[in-house]
Amino acid sequence: MFETIEYDAELAQKAREHLRRSEETFLTESRLDKQEKQAMYEVLLYLNNLITTHYTRYHEVVNAVD
């Protein structure tokens, strides 16, 4: 899968911070049952993995050019 947007380290850091806050908010909500909390956790983990993959591929390309 190729990225359609250029990697932005500052934006990636902000996104990770928002993901962490979202995780704290959603996973501590007493209104969510165990299945809903697990589903939310998996979505947040997936988004975090996308950021990590984007970072890794960006650095692979940058290092290949050097």
PDB file of N, CA and C in Angstrom:
ATOM      1  N   MET A   1       0.845  -1.177   0.000  1.00  0.00           N
ATOM      2  CA  MET A   1       0.000   0.000   0.000  1.00  0.00           C
ATOM      3  C   MET A   1       0.887   1.235   0.000  1.00  0.00           C
ATOM      4  N   PHE A   2       0.657   2.129  -0.927  1.00  0.00           N
ATOM      5  CA  PHE A   2       1.426   3.352  -0.991  1.00  0.00           C
ATOM      6  C   PHE A   2       0.671   4.486  -0.315  1.00  0.00           C
ATOM      7  N   GLU A   3       1.420   5.347   0.321  1.00  0.00           N
ATOM      8  CA  GLU A   3       0.827   6.480   1.002  1.00  0.00           C
ATOM      9  C   GLU A   3       0.388   7.509  -0.028  1.00  0.00           C
ATOM     10  N   THR A   4      -0.699   8.177   0.251  1.00  0.00           N
ATOM     11  CA  THR A   4      -1.176   9.216  -0.649  1.00  0.00           C
ATOM     12  C   THR A   4      -0.891  10.597  -0.084  1.00  0.00           C
ATOM     13  N   ILE A   5      -0.397  10.654   1.135  1.00  0.00           N
ATOM     14  CA  ILE A   5      -0.013  11.926   1.736  1.00  0.00           C
ATOM     15  C   ILE A   5       1.419  11.815   2.227  1.00  0.00           C
ATOM     16  N   GLU A   6       2.107  12.927   2.212  1.00  0.00           N
ATOM     17  CA  GLU A   6       3.484  12.943   2.684  1.00  0.00           C
ATOM     18  C   GLU A   6       3.501  12.822   4.209  1.00  0.00           C
ATOM     19  N   TYR A   7       4.491  12.117   4.716  1.00  0.00           N
ATOM     20  CA  TYR A   7       4.626  11.945   6.162  1.00  0.00           C
ATOM     21  C   TYR A   7       4.961  13.280   6.816  1.00  0.00           C
ATOM     22  N   ASP A   8       4.283  13.584   7.895  1.00  0.00           N
ATOM     23  CA  ASP A   8       4.498  14.812   8.654  1.00  0.00           C
ATOM     24  C   ASP A   8       4.691  14.408  10.113  1.00  0.00           C
ATOM     25  N   ALA A   9       5.920  14.510  10.596  1.00  0.00           N
ATOM     26  CA  ALA A   9       6.243  14.045  11.954  1.00  0.00           C
ATOM     27  C   ALA A   9       5.434  14.768  13.019  1.00  0.00           C
ATOM     28  N   GLU A  10       5.258  16.066  12.870  1.00  0.00           N
ATOM     29  CA  GLU A  10       4.503  16.837  13.869  1.00  0.00           C
ATOM     30  C   GLU A  10       3.038  16.416  13.891  1.00  0.00           C
ATOM     31  N   LEU A  11       2.460  16.254  12.726  1.00  0.00           N
ATOM     32  CA  LEU A  11       1.066  15.815  12.646  1.00  0.00           C
ATOM     33  C   LEU A  11       0.911  14.395  13.183  1.00  0.00           C
ATOM     34  N   ALA A  12       1.867  13.534  12.881  1.00  0.00           N
ATOM     35  CA  ALA A  12       1.822  12.160  13.379  1.00  0.00           C
ATOM     36  C   ALA A  12       1.854  12.134  14.905  1.00  0.00           C
ATOM     37  N   GLN A  13       2.691  12.987  15.503  1.00  0.00           N
ATOM     38  CA  GLN A  13       2.769  13.052  16.962  1.00  0.00           C
ATOM     39  C   GLN A  13       1.445  13.531  17.557  1.00  0.00           C
ATOM     40  N   LYS A  14       0.853  14.546  16.935  1.00  0.00           N
ATOM     41  CA  LYS A  14      -0.449  15.035  17.408  1.00  0.00           C
ATOM     42  C   LYS A  14      -1.514  13.950  17.292  1.00  0.00           C
ATOM     43  N   ALA A  15      -1.476  13.214  16.191  1.00  0.00           N
ATOM     44  CA  ALA A  15      -2.450  12.141  15.996  1.00  0.00           C
ATOM     45  C   ALA A  15      -2.300  11.067  17.070  1.00  0.00           C
ATOM     46  N   ARG A  16      -1.061  10.718  17.390  1.00  0.00           N
ATOM     47  CA  ARG A  16      -0.828   9.722  18.449  1.00  0.00           C
ATOM     48  C   ARG A  16      -1.337  10.217  19.804  1.00  0.00           C
ATOM     49  N   GLU A  17      -1.129  11.501  20.088  1.00  0.00           N
ATOM     50  CA  GLU A  17      -1.620  12.070  21.344  1.00  0.00           C
ATOM     51  C   GLU A  17      -3.146  12.008  21.405  1.00  0.00           C
ATOM     52  N   HIS A  18      -3.797  12.318  20.292  1.00  0.00           N
ATOM     53  CA  HIS A  18      -5.265  12.245  20.250  1.00  0.00           C
ATOM     54  C   HIS A  18      -5.741  10.810  20.395  1.00  0.00           C
ATOM     55  N   LEU A  19      -5.027   9.881  19.794  1.00  0.00           N
ATOM     56  CA  LEU A  19      -5.394   8.472  19.942  1.00  0.00           C
ATOM     57  C   LEU A  19      -5.296   8.036  21.390  1.00  0.00           C
ATOM     58  N   ARG A  20      -4.224   8.462  22.066  1.00  0.00           N
ATOM     59  CA  ARG A  20      -4.072   8.107  23.485  1.00  0.00           C
ATOM     60  C   ARG A  20      -5.207   8.679  24.316  1.00  0.00           C
ATOM     61  N   ARG A  21      -5.545   9.937  24.067  1.00  0.00           N
ATOM     62  CA  ARG A  21      -6.653  10.552  24.816  1.00  0.00           C
ATOM     63  C   ARG A  21      -7.969   9.863  24.506  1.00  0.00           C
ATOM     64  N   SER A  22      -8.165   9.509  23.245  1.00  0.00           N
ATOM     65  CA  SER A  22      -9.393   8.809  22.866  1.00  0.00           C
ATOM     66  C   SER A  22      -9.477   7.458  23.560  1.00  0.00           C
ATOM     67  N   GLU A  23      -8.348   6.783  23.617  1.00  0.00           N
ATOM     68  CA  GLU A  23      -8.316   5.488  24.294  1.00  0.00           C
ATOM     69  C   GLU A  23      -8.698   5.647  25.759  1.00  0.00           C
ATOM     70  N   GLU A  24      -8.114   6.624  26.430  1.00  0.00           N
ATOM     71  CA  GLU A  24      -8.434   6.861  27.836  1.00  0.00           C
ATOM     72  C   GLU A  24      -9.908   7.179  28.005  1.00  0.00           C
ATOM     73  N   THR A  25     -10.447   7.999  27.123  1.00  0.00           N
ATOM     74  CA  THR A  25     -11.848   8.405  27.213  1.00  0.00           C
ATOM     75  C   THR A  25     -12.788   7.242  26.958  1.00  0.00           C
ATOM     76  N   PHE A  26     -12.603   6.566  25.828  1.00  0.00           N
ATOM     77  CA  PHE A  26     -13.534   5.504  25.450  1.00  0.00           C
ATOM     78  C   PHE A  26     -13.411   4.267  26.316  1.00  0.00           C
ATOM     79  N   LEU A  27     -12.213   3.907  26.692  1.00  0.00           N
ATOM     80  CA  LEU A  27     -12.043   2.670  27.449  1.00  0.00           C
ATOM     81  C   LEU A  27     -12.410   2.819  28.915  1.00  0.00           C
ATOM     82  N   THR A  28     -12.492   4.042  29.399  1.00  0.00           N
ATOM     83  CA  THR A  28     -12.901   4.237  30.787  1.00  0.00           C
ATOM     84  C   THR A  28     -14.384   4.577  30.904  1.00  0.00           C
ATOM     85  N   GLU A  29     -15.046   4.740  29.774  1.00  0.00           N
ATOM     86  CA  GLU A  29     -16.483   5.015  29.798  1.00  0.00           C
ATOM     87  C   GLU A  29     -17.227   3.802  30.357  1.00  0.00           C
ATOM     88  N   SER A  30     -17.993   4.029  31.380  1.00  0.00           N
ATOM     89  CA  SER A  30     -18.727   2.918  31.994  1.00  0.00           C
ATOM     90  C   SER A  30     -19.913   2.478  31.132  1.00  0.00           C
ATOM     91  N   ARG A  31     -20.349   3.324  30.196  1.00  0.00           N
ATOM     92  CA  ARG A  31     -21.493   2.982  29.347  1.00  0.00           C
ATOM     93  C   ARG A  31     -21.147   1.948  28.287  1.00  0.00           C
ATOM     94  N   LEU A  32     -19.874   1.768  28.014  1.00  0.00           N
ATOM     95  CA  LEU A  32     -19.469   0.800  26.996  1.00  0.00           C
ATOM     96  C   LEU A  32     -19.335  -0.582  27.616  1.00  0.00           C
ATOM     97  N   ASP A  33     -19.885  -1.579  26.928  1.00  0.00           N
ATOM     98  CA  ASP A  33     -19.705  -2.937  27.435  1.00  0.00           C
ATOM     99  C   ASP A  33     -18.340  -3.469  26.986  1.00  0.00           C
ATOM    100  N   LYS A  34     -18.010  -4.651  27.445  1.00  0.00           N
ATOM    101  CA  LYS A  34     -16.686  -5.217  27.181  1.00  0.00           C
ATOM    102  C   LYS A  34     -16.409  -5.360  25.686  1.00  0.00           C
ATOM    103  N   GLN A  35     -17.406  -5.801  24.920  1.00  0.00           N
ATOM    104  CA  GLN A  35     -17.224  -5.969  23.474  1.00  0.00           C
ATOM    105  C   GLN A  35     -16.994  -4.626  22.783  1.00  0.00           C
ATOM    106  N   GLU A  36     -17.732  -3.608  23.195  1.00  0.00           N
ATOM    107  CA  GLU A  36     -17.570  -2.283  22.597  1.00  0.00           C
ATOM    108  C   GLU A  36     -16.191  -1.706  22.924  1.00  0.00           C
ATOM    109  N   LYS A  37     -15.753  -1.911  24.149  1.00  0.00           N
ATOM    110  CA  LYS A  37     -14.420  -1.439  24.536  1.00  0.00           C
ATOM    111  C   LYS A  37     -13.337  -2.153  23.728  1.00  0.00           C
ATOM    112  N   GLN A  38     -13.492  -3.455  23.521  1.00  0.00           N
ATOM    113  CA  GLN A  38     -12.524  -4.221  22.744  1.00  0.00           C
ATOM    114  C   GLN A  38     -12.504  -3.743  21.298  1.00  0.00           C
ATOM    115  N   ALA A  39     -13.677  -3.497  20.731  1.00  0.00           N
ATOM    116  CA  ALA A  39     -13.759  -3.019  19.351  1.00  0.00           C
ATOM    117  C   ALA A  39     -13.094  -1.646  19.227  1.00  0.00           C
ATOM    118  N   MET A  40     -13.336  -0.768  20.169  1.00  0.00           N
ATOM    119  CA  MET A  40     -12.734   0.559  20.134  1.00  0.00           C
ATOM    120  C   MET A  40     -11.219   0.466  20.278  1.00  0.00           C
ATOM    121  N   TYR A  41     -10.765  -0.396  21.169  1.00  0.00           N
ATOM    122  CA  TYR A  41      -9.332  -0.600  21.356  1.00  0.00           C
ATOM    123  C   TYR A  41      -8.683  -1.071  20.048  1.00  0.00           C
ATOM    124  N   GLU A  42      -9.328  -1.997  19.358  1.00  0.00           N
ATOM    125  CA  GLU A  42      -8.786  -2.522  18.106  1.00  0.00           C
ATOM    126  C   GLU A  42      -8.718  -1.445  17.026  1.00  0.00           C
ATOM    127  N   VAL A  43      -9.720  -0.581  16.957  1.00  0.00           N
ATOM    128  CA  VAL A  43      -9.705   0.516  15.987  1.00  0.00           C
ATOM    129  C   VAL A  43      -8.570   1.487  16.303  1.00  0.00           C
ATOM    130  N   LEU A  44      -8.423   1.846  17.556  1.00  0.00           N
ATOM    131  CA  LEU A  44      -7.351   2.768  17.945  1.00  0.00           C
ATOM    132  C   LEU A  44      -5.977   2.158  17.698  1.00  0.00           C
ATOM    133  N   LEU A  45      -5.835   0.884  17.973  1.00  0.00           N
ATOM    134  CA  LEU A  45      -4.576   0.192  17.717  1.00  0.00           C
ATOM    135  C   LEU A  45      -4.274   0.167  16.218  1.00  0.00           C
ATOM    136  N   TYR A  46      -5.289  -0.078  15.413  1.00  0.00           N
ATOM    137  CA  TYR A  46      -5.125  -0.098  13.959  1.00  0.00           C
ATOM    138  C   TYR A  46      -4.658   1.277  13.460  1.00  0.00           C
ATOM    139  N   LEU A  47      -5.274   2.336  13.944  1.00  0.00           N
ATOM    140  CA  LEU A  47      -4.875   3.687  13.534  1.00  0.00           C
ATOM    141  C   LEU A  47      -3.431   3.980  13.949  1.00  0.00           C
ATOM    142  N   ASN A  48      -3.066   3.572  15.142  1.00  0.00           N
ATOM    143  CA  ASN A  48      -1.690   3.757  15.597  1.00  0.00           C
ATOM    144  C   ASN A  48      -0.718   2.978  14.708  1.00  0.00           C
ATOM    145  N   ASN A  49      -1.103   1.777  14.317  1.00  0.00           N
ATOM    146  CA  ASN A  49      -0.256   0.973  13.427  1.00  0.00           C
ATOM    147  C   ASN A  49      -0.116   1.619  12.052  1.00  0.00           C
ATOM    148  N   LEU A  50      -1.162   2.264  11.567  1.00  0.00           N
ATOM    149  CA  LEU A  50      -1.073   2.983  10.295  1.00  0.00           C
ATOM    150  C   LEU A  50      -0.061   4.119  10.380  1.00  0.00           C
ATOM    151  N   ILE A  51      -0.083   4.840  11.478  1.00  0.00           N
ATOM    152  CA  ILE A  51       0.886   5.928  11.671  1.00  0.00           C
ATOM    153  C   ILE A  51       2.300   5.362  11.694  1.00  0.00           C
ATOM    154  N   THR A  52       2.492   4.267  12.412  1.00  0.00           N
ATOM    155  CA  THR A  52       3.810   3.643  12.507  1.00  0.00           C
ATOM    156  C   THR A  52       4.284   3.146  11.135  1.00  0.00           C
ATOM    157  N   THR A  53       3.388   2.530  10.370  1.00  0.00           N
ATOM    158  CA  THR A  53       3.739   2.044   9.041  1.00  0.00           C
ATOM    159  C   THR A  53       4.116   3.199   8.127  1.00  0.00           C
ATOM    160  N   HIS A  54       3.362   4.269   8.203  1.00  0.00           N
ATOM    161  CA  HIS A  54       3.653   5.454   7.391  1.00  0.00           C
ATOM    162  C   HIS A  54       5.037   6.002   7.743  1.00  0.00           C
ATOM    163  N   TYR A  55       5.341   6.083   9.022  1.00  0.00           N
ATOM    164  CA  TYR A  55       6.649   6.548   9.494  1.00  0.00           C
ATOM    165  C   TYR A  55       7.764   5.654   8.955  1.00  0.00           C
ATOM    166  N   THR A  56       7.580   4.356   9.071  1.00  0.00           N
ATOM    167  CA  THR A  56       8.598   3.393   8.647  1.00  0.00           C
ATOM    168  C   THR A  56       8.852   3.490   7.143  1.00  0.00           C
ATOM    169  N   ARG A  57       7.793   3.533   6.370  1.00  0.00           N
ATOM    170  CA  ARG A  57       7.958   3.616   4.912  1.00  0.00           C
ATOM    171  C   ARG A  57       8.585   4.939   4.502  1.00  0.00           C
ATOM    172  N   TYR A  58       8.233   5.994   5.181  1.00  0.00           N
ATOM    173  CA  TYR A  58       8.834   7.296   4.873  1.00  0.00           C
ATOM    174  C   TYR A  58      10.345   7.226   5.064  1.00  0.00           C
ATOM    175  N   HIS A  59      10.771   6.650   6.184  1.00  0.00           N
ATOM    176  CA  HIS A  59      12.208   6.573   6.464  1.00  0.00           C
ATOM    177  C   HIS A  59      12.918   5.584   5.541  1.00  0.00           C
ATOM    178  N   GLU A  60      12.243   4.546   5.085  1.00  0.00           N
ATOM    179  CA  GLU A  60      12.832   3.642   4.108  1.00  0.00           C
ATOM    180  C   GLU A  60      13.129   4.382   2.810  1.00  0.00           C
ATOM    181  N   VAL A  61      12.192   5.216   2.382  1.00  0.00           N
ATOM    182  CA  VAL A  61      12.382   5.983   1.145  1.00  0.00           C
ATOM    183  C   VAL A  61      13.477   7.023   1.324  1.00  0.00           C
ATOM    184  N   VAL A  62      13.469   7.741   2.425  1.00  0.00           N
ATOM    185  CA  VAL A  62      14.474   8.769   2.686  1.00  0.00           C
ATOM    186  C   VAL A  62      15.859   8.137   2.749  1.00  0.00           C
ATOM    187  N   ASN A  63      15.994   7.024   3.431  1.00  0.00           N
ATOM    188  CA  ASN A  63      17.289   6.360   3.541  1.00  0.00           C
ATOM    189  C   ASN A  63      17.742   5.770   2.212  1.00  0.00           C
ATOM    190  N   ALA A  64      16.829   5.346   1.384  1.00  0.00           N
ATOM    191  CA  ALA A  64      17.180   4.787   0.080  1.00  0.00           C
ATOM    192  C   ALA A  64      17.715   5.880  -0.859  1.00  0.00           C
ATOM    193  N   VAL A  65      17.229   7.094  -0.683  1.00  0.00           N
ATOM    194  CA  VAL A  65      17.666   8.210  -1.513  1.00  0.00           C
ATOM    195  C   VAL A  65      19.064   8.658  -1.118  1.00  0.00           C
ATOM    196  N   ASP A  66      19.371   8.580   0.163  1.00  0.00           N
ATOM    197  CA  ASP A  66      20.684   9.026   0.668  1.00  0.00           C
ATOM    198  C   ASP A  66      21.791   8.189   0.193  1.00  0.00           C
TER     199      ASP A  66
END
